[in-house]
C-alpha atoms as a PDB file:
ATOM      1  CA  MET A   1     106.314 124.519 115.923  1.00  0.00           C
ATOM      2  CA  ARG A   2     103.750 127.209 116.603  1.00  0.00           C
ATOM      3  CA  PRO A   3     103.289 129.780 113.843  1.00  0.00           C
ATOM      4  CA  HIS A   4     103.926 133.376 114.794  1.00  0.00           C
ATOM      5  CA  ARG A   5     102.502 136.557 113.328  1.00  0.00           C
ATOM      6  CA  MET A   6     104.292 138.163 110.409  1.00  0.00           C
ATOM      7  CA  ASP A   7     106.685 140.958 111.283  1.00  0.00           C
ATOM      8  CA  GLY A   8     108.351 143.521 109.055  1.00  0.00           C
ATOM      9  CA  VAL A   9     111.910 142.487 109.905  1.00  0.00           C
ATOM     10  CA  SER A  10     111.435 138.881 108.748  1.00  0.00           C
ATOM     11  CA  LEU A  11     109.675 140.013 105.597  1.00  0.00           C
ATOM     12  CA  SER A  12     112.414 142.564 104.839  1.00  0.00           C
ATOM     13  CA  PHE A  13     115.214 140.024 105.264  1.00  0.00           C
ATOM     14  CA  GLY A  14     113.306 137.507 103.139  1.00  0.00           C
ATOM     15  CA  LEU A  15     112.901 140.071 100.341  1.00  0.00           C
ATOM     16  CA  ILE A  16     116.562 141.093 100.573  1.00  0.00           C
ATOM     17  CA  PHE A  17     117.659 137.436 100.477  1.00  0.00           C
ATOM     18  CA  LEU A  18     115.461 136.764  97.444  1.00  0.00           C
ATOM     19  CA  ALA A  19     116.703 139.910  95.654  1.00  0.00           C
ATOM     20  CA  ILE A  20     120.364 138.981  96.237  1.00  0.00           C
ATOM     21  CA  ALA A  21     119.799 135.429  94.976  1.00  0.00           C
ATOM     22  CA  PHE A  22     117.966 136.705  91.886  1.00  0.00           C
ATOM     23  CA  TRP A  23     120.620 139.375  91.186  1.00  0.00           C
ATOM     24  CA  TRP A  24     123.389 136.797  91.572  1.00  0.00           C
ATOM     25  CA  ALA A  25     121.625 134.380  89.219  1.00  0.00           C
ATOM     26  CA  VAL A  26     121.050 137.055  86.576  1.00  0.00           C
ATOM     27  CA  SER A  27     124.601 138.414  86.831  1.00  0.00           C
ATOM     28  CA  GLN A  28     126.007 134.913  86.478  1.00  0.00           C
ATOM     29  CA  VAL A  29     123.887 134.210  83.408  1.00  0.00           C
ATOM     30  CA  VAL A  30     124.633 137.497  81.696  1.00  0.00           C
ATOM     31  CA  ALA A  31     128.354 137.686  82.417  1.00  0.00           C
ATOM     32  CA  VAL A  32     129.592 134.095  82.316  1.00  0.00           C
ATOM     33  CA  ASN A  33     128.087 130.740  81.404  1.00  0.00           C
ATOM     34  CA  LEU A  34     127.308 128.887  84.604  1.00  0.00           C
ATOM     35  CA  PRO A  35     128.208 125.281  85.135  1.00  0.00           C
ATOM     36  CA  PRO A  36     125.233 123.083  86.151  1.00  0.00           C
ATOM     37  CA  VAL A  37     126.245 123.289  89.832  1.00  0.00           C
ATOM     38  CA  GLY A  38     125.845 127.080  89.735  1.00  0.00           C
ATOM     39  CA  TRP A  39     122.288 126.736  88.456  1.00  0.00           C
ATOM     40  CA  ILE A  40     121.468 124.319  91.263  1.00  0.00           C
ATOM     41  CA  VAL A  41     122.860 126.730  93.876  1.00  0.00           C
ATOM     42  CA  ALA A  42     120.971 129.658  92.360  1.00  0.00           C
ATOM     43  CA  GLY A  43     117.746 127.655  92.185  1.00  0.00           C
ATOM     44  CA  GLY A  44     118.177 126.546  95.782  1.00  0.00           C
ATOM     45  CA  LEU A  45     118.705 130.095  96.983  1.00  0.00           C
ATOM     46  CA  ILE A  46     115.633 131.284  95.113  1.00  0.00           C
ATOM     47  CA  PHE A  47     113.584 128.355  96.419  1.00  0.00           C
ATOM     48  CA  PHE A  48     114.556 129.036 100.049  1.00  0.00           C
ATOM     49  CA  GLY A  49     113.846 132.750  99.616  1.00  0.00           C
ATOM     50  CA  VAL A  50     110.378 132.102  98.211  1.00  0.00           C
ATOM     51  CA  ALA A  51     109.661 129.482 100.885  1.00  0.00           C
ATOM     52  CA  GLY A  52     110.692 131.948 103.606  1.00  0.00           C
ATOM     53  CA  LEU A  53     108.462 134.651 102.171  1.00  0.00           C
ATOM     54  CA  LEU A  54     105.470 132.332 101.883  1.00  0.00           C
ATOM     55  CA  GLY A  55     106.010 131.102 105.424  1.00  0.00           C
ATOM     56  CA  ALA A  56     106.189 134.656 106.778  1.00  0.00           C
ATOM     57  CA  ILE A  57     103.077 135.761 104.921  1.00  0.00           C
ATOM     58  CA  ARG A  58     101.106 132.628 105.708  1.00  0.00           C
ATOM     59  CA  SER A  59     101.884 132.684 109.442  1.00  0.00           C
ATOM     60  CA  GLY A  60     100.127 136.055 109.731  1.00  0.00           C
ATOM     61  CA  ARG A  61      96.763 134.441 108.930  1.00  0.00           C
ATOM     62  CA  ARG A  62      95.097 132.896 111.933  1.00  0.00           C
ATOM     63  CA  GLU A  63      91.684 131.568 112.661  1.00  0.00           C
ATOM     64  CA  PRO A  64      89.939 133.533 115.413  1.00  0.00           C
ATOM     65  CA  GLN A  65      90.143 131.834 118.771  1.00  0.00           C
ATOM     66  CA  PRO A  66      86.893 131.390 120.724  1.00  0.00           C
ATOM     67  CA  GLY A  67      86.475 133.781 123.632  1.00  0.00           C
ATOM     68  CA  PRO A  68      86.481 132.733 127.270  1.00  0.00           C
ATOM     69  CA  VAL A  69      83.301 131.204 128.644  1.00  0.00           C
ATOM     70  CA  ALA A  70      81.897 132.591 131.894  1.00  0.00           C
ATOM     71  CA  ALA A  71      81.730 129.946 134.600  1.00  0.00           C
ATOM     72  CA  GLN A  72      78.963 129.687 137.147  1.00  0.00           C
ATOM     73  CA  ALA A  73      80.192 129.588 140.736  1.00  0.00           C
ATOM     74  CA  ALA A  74      78.266 127.443 143.179  1.00  0.00           C
ATOM     75  CA  VAL A  75      78.983 127.336 146.904  1.00  0.00           C
ATOM     76  CA  ASP A  76      78.288 124.002 148.517  1.00  0.00           C
ATOM     77  CA  VAL A  77      78.202 123.543 152.250  1.00  0.00           C
ATOM     78  CA  PRO A  78      80.094 120.351 153.126  1.00  0.00           C
ATOM     79  CA  GLY A  79      78.124 117.618 154.847  1.00  0.00           C
ATOM     80  CA  ASP A  80      74.724 118.172 156.411  1.00  0.00           C
ATOM     81  CA  LEU A  81      75.667 121.283 158.388  1.00  0.00           C
ATOM     82  CA  PRO A  82      73.328 124.268 158.311  1.00  0.00           C
ATOM     83  CA  PRO A  83      74.982 127.425 156.927  1.00  0.00           C
ATOM     84  CA  GLU A  84      74.988 129.158 160.367  1.00  0.00           C
ATOM     85  CA  MET A  85      76.968 126.341 161.987  1.00  0.00           C
ATOM     86  CA  HIS A  86      79.369 126.200 159.064  1.00  0.00           C
ATOM     87  CA  ALA A  87      79.943 129.970 159.400  1.00  0.00           C
ATOM     88  CA  SER A  88      80.612 129.662 163.136  1.00  0.00           C
ATOM     89  CA  ILE A  89      83.169 126.891 162.528  1.00  0.00           C
ATOM     90  CA  VAL A  90      84.943 129.012 159.932  1.00  0.00           C
ATOM     91  CA  ARG A  91      84.991 132.025 162.312  1.00  0.00           C
ATOM     92  CA  GLU A  92      86.407 129.847 165.072  1.00  0.00           C
ATOM     93  CA  LEU A  93      89.162 128.572 162.781  1.00  0.00           C
ATOM     94  CA  LEU A  94      90.049 132.106 161.705  1.00  0.00           C
ATOM     95  CA  ASP A  95      90.216 133.465 165.288  1.00  0.00           C
ATOM     96  CA  ASP A  96      93.645 134.143 166.756  1.00  0.00           C
ATOM     97  CA  PRO A  97      94.515 131.138 168.953  1.00  0.00           C
ATOM     98  CA  ALA A  98      96.510 133.310 171.380  1.00  0.00           C
ATOM     99  CA  GLY A  99      93.508 135.566 172.013  1.00  0.00           C
ATOM    100  CA  LYS A 100      91.255 132.583 172.624  1.00  0.00           C
ATOM    101  CA  PHE A 101      93.723 131.110 175.118  1.00  0.00           C
ATOM    102  CA  GLU A 102      93.897 134.401 177.038  1.00  0.00           C
ATOM    103  CA  ARG A 103      90.091 134.596 177.199  1.00  0.00           C
ATOM    104  CA  ASP A 104      89.753 131.018 178.406  1.00  0.00           C
ATOM    105  CA  HIS A 105      92.688 131.260 180.915  1.00  0.00           C
ATOM    106  CA  PRO A 106      92.960 134.772 182.349  1.00  0.00           C
ATOM    107  CA  ALA A 107      96.293 135.776 183.901  1.00  0.00           C
ATOM    108  CA  ARG A 108      96.402 135.682 187.713  1.00  0.00           C
END
C-alpha cells in the first residue's frame, strides 16, 4: 500500500474518533463501574484512534524524489548509407504514391 499525503479530513475524523472513545471511556468510569470487557473495548477504540492519527501524520513525511535526468539524443544512420542517400529514401517514402504514379504514367 502506497502512503498518501496527510489531509485535513482524515486528521479531523481521527481526532473526532479519538475524542469520542476517550469521552466514552471517561463517562463509563465516572458513572458506572465497567466490566473488564468494557475496558477492552475502550482500550481498543483508543488504540485504533491513536494508530490512525499516527498513520495520517506519518504518511505526510516523504523523502524527496530525485529529479528527472536529461537524456542525450543521438541519431544513427542505419547501415553504411551516407546521410544524403538516407534523406532521399525517406523523402521517397513520404511522397504521395498517387502523385508519383501520375508523374510516371501521364494520362493520354
